[in-house]
PDB file of N, CA and C in Angstrom:
ATOM      1  N   MET A   1      -3.216 -17.939  20.968  1.00  0.00           N
ATOM      2  CA  MET A   1      -2.505 -16.270  20.669  1.00  0.00           C
ATOM      3  C   MET A   1      -2.514 -15.513  19.549  1.00  0.00           C
ATOM      4  N   ALA A   2      -3.178 -14.325  20.395  1.00  0.00           N
ATOM      5  CA  ALA A   2      -2.696 -13.579  19.134  1.00  0.00           C
ATOM      6  C   ALA A   2      -1.847 -12.615  18.686  1.00  0.00           C
ATOM      7  N   THR A   3      -1.586 -12.643  17.509  1.00  0.00           N
ATOM      8  CA  THR A   3      -0.243 -11.747  17.153  1.00  0.00           C
ATOM      9  C   THR A   3      -0.721 -10.409  17.013  1.00  0.00           C
ATOM     10  N   THR A   4       0.331  -9.681  17.441  1.00  0.00           N
ATOM     11  CA  THR A   4       0.169  -8.105  17.443  1.00  0.00           C
ATOM     12  C   THR A   4       1.069  -7.730  15.764  1.00  0.00           C
ATOM     13  N   LYS A   5      -0.213  -6.810  15.183  1.00  0.00           N
ATOM     14  CA  LYS A   5       0.816  -6.100  14.183  1.00  0.00           C
ATOM     15  C   LYS A   5       1.338  -5.298  14.524  1.00  0.00           C
ATOM     16  N   THR A   6       2.887  -5.398  13.875  1.00  0.00           N
ATOM     17  CA  THR A   6       3.432  -3.589  13.914  1.00  0.00           C
ATOM     18  C   THR A   6       3.570  -2.968  13.131  1.00  0.00           C
ATOM     19  N   THR A   7       3.499  -1.995  12.965  1.00  0.00           N
ATOM     20  CA  THR A   7       4.339  -0.566  11.702  1.00  0.00           C
ATOM     21  C   THR A   7       5.124  -0.115  12.297  1.00  0.00           C
ATOM     22  N   THR A   8       5.322   0.186  11.002  1.00  0.00           N
ATOM     23  CA  THR A   8       6.708   0.836  10.714  1.00  0.00           C
ATOM     24  C   THR A   8       6.586   2.649  10.698  1.00  0.00           C
ATOM     25  N   PRO A   9       6.159   3.441  10.886  1.00  0.00           N
ATOM     26  CA  PRO A   9       6.294   5.121  10.834  1.00  0.00           C
ATOM     27  C   PRO A   9       6.698   5.316   9.745  1.00  0.00           C
ATOM     28  N   GLU A  10       4.881   6.082   8.729  1.00  0.00           N
ATOM     29  CA  GLU A  10       6.338   6.223   7.958  1.00  0.00           C
ATOM     30  C   GLU A  10       7.104   7.728   7.726  1.00  0.00           C
ATOM     31  N   PRO A  11       7.780   8.009   6.416  1.00  0.00           N
ATOM     32  CA  PRO A  11       8.787   8.431   6.494  1.00  0.00           C
ATOM     33  C   PRO A  11       7.979   9.896   6.532  1.00  0.00           C
ATOM     34  N   ALA A  12       8.273  10.748   6.924  1.00  0.00           N
ATOM     35  CA  ALA A  12       8.388  12.349   6.706  1.00  0.00           C
ATOM     36  C   ALA A  12       8.591  12.840   5.184  1.00  0.00           C
ATOM     37  N   LYS A  13       7.505  13.679   4.197  1.00  0.00           N
ATOM     38  CA  LYS A  13       7.691  14.025   3.540  1.00  0.00           C
ATOM     39  C   LYS A  13       8.495  15.111   3.139  1.00  0.00           C
ATOM     40  N   CYS A  14       8.950  15.931   1.924  1.00  0.00           N
ATOM     41  CA  CYS A  14      10.067  16.344   1.937  1.00  0.00           C
ATOM     42  C   CYS A  14       8.883  17.795   1.745  1.00  0.00           C
ATOM     43  N   PRO A  15       9.488  18.968   2.360  1.00  0.00           N
ATOM     44  CA  PRO A  15       8.504  20.208   2.905  1.00  0.00           C
ATOM     45  C   PRO A  15       9.100  20.539   1.046  1.00  0.00           C
ATOM     46  N   THR A  16      10.190  20.374   0.438  1.00  0.00           N
ATOM     47  CA  THR A  16       9.585  21.859  -0.480  1.00  0.00           C
ATOM     48  C   THR A  16       8.961  20.303  -1.670  1.00  0.00           C
ATOM     49  N   CYS A  17       8.891  19.489  -1.747  1.00  0.00           N
ATOM     50  CA  CYS A  17       8.338  19.122  -3.210  1.00  0.00           C
ATOM     51  C   CYS A  17       7.152  17.992  -2.843  1.00  0.00           C
ATOM     52  N   LYS A  18       6.871  18.259  -1.264  1.00  0.00           N
ATOM     53  CA  LYS A  18       5.947  17.562  -0.674  1.00  0.00           C
ATOM     54  C   LYS A  18       5.484  15.959  -1.220  1.00  0.00           C
ATOM     55  N   GLY A  19       6.309  15.869  -1.443  1.00  0.00           N
ATOM     56  CA  GLY A  19       7.028  14.255  -1.556  1.00  0.00           C
ATOM     57  C   GLY A  19       6.530  13.647  -2.543  1.00  0.00           C
ATOM     58  N   SER A  20       6.178  14.752  -3.623  1.00  0.00           N
ATOM     59  CA  SER A  20       6.060  14.236  -4.838  1.00  0.00           C
ATOM     60  C   SER A  20       7.874  13.691  -5.445  1.00  0.00           C
ATOM     61  N   GLY A  21       8.921  14.431  -5.571  1.00  0.00           N
ATOM     62  CA  GLY A  21      10.162  14.625  -6.279  1.00  0.00           C
ATOM     63  C   GLY A  21      10.490  15.401  -6.787  1.00  0.00           C
ATOM     64  N   GLU A  22       9.220  15.614  -7.524  1.00  0.00           N
ATOM     65  CA  GLU A  22       9.456  17.065  -8.292  1.00  0.00           C
ATOM     66  C   GLU A  22       9.242  18.644  -8.067  1.00  0.00           C
ATOM     67  N   VAL A  23       9.648  19.429  -8.666  1.00  0.00           N
ATOM     68  CA  VAL A  23       9.449  20.931  -8.364  1.00  0.00           C
ATOM     69  C   VAL A  23       9.289  21.350  -9.681  1.00  0.00           C
ATOM     70  N   SER A  24       8.573  22.572 -10.469  1.00  0.00           N
ATOM     71  CA  SER A  24       8.221  23.005 -11.206  1.00  0.00           C
ATOM     72  C   SER A  24       8.978  24.341 -11.521  1.00  0.00           C
ATOM     73  N   ARG A  25       9.836  24.869 -12.348  1.00  0.00           N
ATOM     74  CA  ARG A  25      10.098  25.952 -12.700  1.00  0.00           C
ATOM     75  C   ARG A  25       9.087  27.144 -13.584  1.00  0.00           C
ATOM     76  N   THR A  26      10.032  27.877 -13.972  1.00  0.00           N
ATOM     77  CA  THR A  26       9.383  29.042 -15.093  1.00  0.00           C
ATOM     78  C   THR A  26      10.169  28.561 -16.053  1.00  0.00           C
ATOM     79  N   VAL A  27      10.247  29.120 -17.055  1.00  0.00           N
ATOM     80  CA  VAL A  27      11.103  29.362 -18.273  1.00  0.00           C
ATOM     81  C   VAL A  27      10.978  30.531 -19.087  1.00  0.00           C
ATOM     82  N   ARG A  28      11.843  30.728 -18.645  1.00  0.00           N
ATOM     83  CA  ARG A  28      12.108  32.162 -19.698  1.00  0.00           C
ATOM     84  C   ARG A  28      13.154  32.193 -20.717  1.00  0.00           C
ATOM     85  N   VAL A  29      12.613  32.817 -21.662  1.00  0.00           N
ATOM     86  CA  VAL A  29      13.426  33.358 -23.002  1.00  0.00           C
ATOM     87  C   VAL A  29      13.468  34.282 -23.451  1.00  0.00           C
ATOM     88  N   GLY A  30      14.423  35.131 -24.058  1.00  0.00           N
ATOM     89  CA  GLY A  30      15.009  36.524 -24.676  1.00  0.00           C
ATOM     90  C   GLY A  30      15.998  37.685 -23.750  1.00  0.00           C
ATOM     91  N   ARG A  31      15.827  38.863 -24.297  1.00  0.00           N
ATOM     92  CA  ARG A  31      16.246  39.438 -23.816  1.00  0.00           C
ATOM     93  C   ARG A  31      15.926  40.062 -22.360  1.00  0.00           C
ATOM     94  N   LYS A  32      14.808  40.375 -23.036  1.00  0.00           N
ATOM     95  CA  LYS A  32      13.262  40.331 -21.316  1.00  0.00           C
ATOM     96  C   LYS A  32      13.452  39.717 -20.424  1.00  0.00           C
ATOM     97  N   ARG A  33      13.634  38.294 -21.134  1.00  0.00           N
ATOM     98  CA  ARG A  33      13.132  37.107 -19.876  1.00  0.00           C
ATOM     99  C   ARG A  33      11.760  37.505 -19.610  1.00  0.00           C
ATOM    100  N   ARG A  34      11.239  37.340 -21.453  1.00  0.00           N
ATOM    101  CA  ARG A  34       9.869  36.597 -21.146  1.00  0.00           C
ATOM    102  C   ARG A  34       8.982  35.303 -20.754  1.00  0.00           C
ATOM    103  N   THR A  35       8.355  35.074 -20.014  1.00  0.00           N
ATOM    104  CA  THR A  35       7.664  34.244 -19.753  1.00  0.00           C
ATOM    105  C   THR A  35       7.145  33.348 -20.709  1.00  0.00           C
ATOM    106  N   VAL A  36       7.776  31.981 -21.148  1.00  0.00           N
ATOM    107  CA  VAL A  36       6.450  31.038 -21.932  1.00  0.00           C
ATOM    108  C   VAL A  36       6.113  29.847 -21.130  1.00  0.00           C
ATOM    109  N   GLY A  37       6.513  29.496 -20.453  1.00  0.00           N
ATOM    110  CA  GLY A  37       5.950  28.382 -19.667  1.00  0.00           C
ATOM    111  C   GLY A  37       6.443  27.550 -18.047  1.00  0.00           C
ATOM    112  N   ARG A  38       6.574  27.102 -18.146  1.00  0.00           N
ATOM    113  CA  ARG A  38       6.578  25.794 -16.935  1.00  0.00           C
ATOM    114  C   ARG A  38       7.086  24.421 -17.341  1.00  0.00           C
ATOM    115  N   GLN A  39       8.258  24.371 -16.596  1.00  0.00           N
ATOM    116  CA  GLN A  39       8.781  22.361 -16.460  1.00  0.00           C
ATOM    117  C   GLN A  39       9.516  21.657 -15.341  1.00  0.00           C
ATOM    118  N   THR A  40       8.752  20.582 -15.358  1.00  0.00           N
ATOM    119  CA  THR A  40       9.827  20.286 -13.760  1.00  0.00           C
ATOM    120  C   THR A  40      10.853  19.226 -14.069  1.00  0.00           C
ATOM    121  N   GLY A  41      11.395  19.302 -12.642  1.00  0.00           N
ATOM    122  CA  GLY A  41      12.541  18.817 -12.522  1.00  0.00           C
ATOM    123  C   GLY A  41      12.760  17.970 -10.742  1.00  0.00           C
ATOM    124  N   LEU A  42      13.889  17.648 -11.469  1.00  0.00           N
ATOM    125  CA  LEU A  42      14.187  16.698  -9.826  1.00  0.00           C
ATOM    126  C   LEU A  42      14.221  17.767  -8.833  1.00  0.00           C
ATOM    127  N   CYS A  43      13.718  17.125  -7.556  1.00  0.00           N
ATOM    128  CA  CYS A  43      14.048  18.014  -6.390  1.00  0.00           C
ATOM    129  C   CYS A  43      15.434  18.333  -6.375  1.00  0.00           C
ATOM    130  N   LEU A  44      16.007  19.186  -5.273  1.00  0.00           N
ATOM    131  CA  LEU A  44      17.695  18.925  -5.022  1.00  0.00           C
ATOM    132  C   LEU A  44      17.479  18.836  -3.872  1.00  0.00           C
ATOM    133  N   ILE A  45      16.240  19.082  -2.847  1.00  0.00           N
ATOM    134  CA  ILE A  45      16.581  18.777  -1.168  1.00  0.00           C
ATOM    135  C   ILE A  45      16.306  17.060  -1.119  1.00  0.00           C
ATOM    136  N   CYS A  46      15.223  16.691  -1.595  1.00  0.00           N
ATOM    137  CA  CYS A  46      15.782  15.125  -1.277  1.00  0.00           C
ATOM    138  C   CYS A  46      15.390  14.182  -3.134  1.00  0.00           C
ATOM    139  N   LEU A  47      16.412  14.872  -3.592  1.00  0.00           N
ATOM    140  CA  LEU A  47      17.198  14.316  -4.851  1.00  0.00           C
ATOM    141  C   LEU A  47      15.943  13.306  -5.411  1.00  0.00           C
ATOM    142  N   GLY A  48      14.905  13.555  -5.300  1.00  0.00           N
ATOM    143  CA  GLY A  48      13.750  12.850  -6.240  1.00  0.00           C
ATOM    144  C   GLY A  48      12.863  11.590  -4.898  1.00  0.00           C
ATOM    145  N   SER A  49      13.399  11.104  -4.052  1.00  0.00           N
ATOM    146  CA  SER A  49      12.863  10.605  -3.451  1.00  0.00           C
ATOM    147  C   SER A  49      11.727  10.995  -2.867  1.00  0.00           C
ATOM    148  N   GLY A  50      11.098  12.040  -2.605  1.00  0.00           N
ATOM    149  CA  GLY A  50      10.060  12.540  -1.785  1.00  0.00           C
ATOM    150  C   GLY A  50      10.277  12.471  -0.888  1.00  0.00           C
ATOM    151  N   GLN A  51      11.049  12.030   0.010  1.00  0.00           N
ATOM    152  CA  GLN A  51      11.423  12.133   1.484  1.00  0.00           C
ATOM    153  C   GLN A  51      12.450  13.011   2.279  1.00  0.00           C
ATOM    154  N   ALA A  52      12.152  13.486   3.618  1.00  0.00           N
ATOM    155  CA  ALA A  52      12.773  14.533   4.460  1.00  0.00           C
ATOM    156  C   ALA A  52      13.703  13.986   4.314  1.00  0.00           C
ATOM    157  N   SER A  53      15.146  14.349   4.648  1.00  0.00           N
ATOM    158  CA  SER A  53      16.460  14.032   4.931  1.00  0.00           C
ATOM    159  C   SER A  53      16.301  14.097   6.209  1.00  0.00           C
ATOM    160  N   ASN A  54      17.279  13.474   7.316  1.00  0.00           N
ATOM    161  CA  ASN A  54      17.383  13.329   8.595  1.00  0.00           C
ATOM    162  C   ASN A  54      18.504  14.006   9.085  1.00  0.00           C
ATOM    163  N   ASP A  55      18.294  15.182   8.605  1.00  0.00           N
ATOM    164  CA  ASP A  55      19.791  16.392   9.216  1.00  0.00           C
ATOM    165  C   ASP A  55      19.405  17.191  10.499  1.00  0.00           C
TER     166      ASP A  55
END
């Protein structure tokens, strides 16, 4: 008798970071808020896990 393979469904990806766990933000400096570059940070929606919440 052949055994059947059960697969668990893959969790949904976070829509904000698209599963990476990081988001990019623009860095601004000075009084006129001049844009100097971008930096990455932790996604606050999924807290870096990359998975959508079950809310």
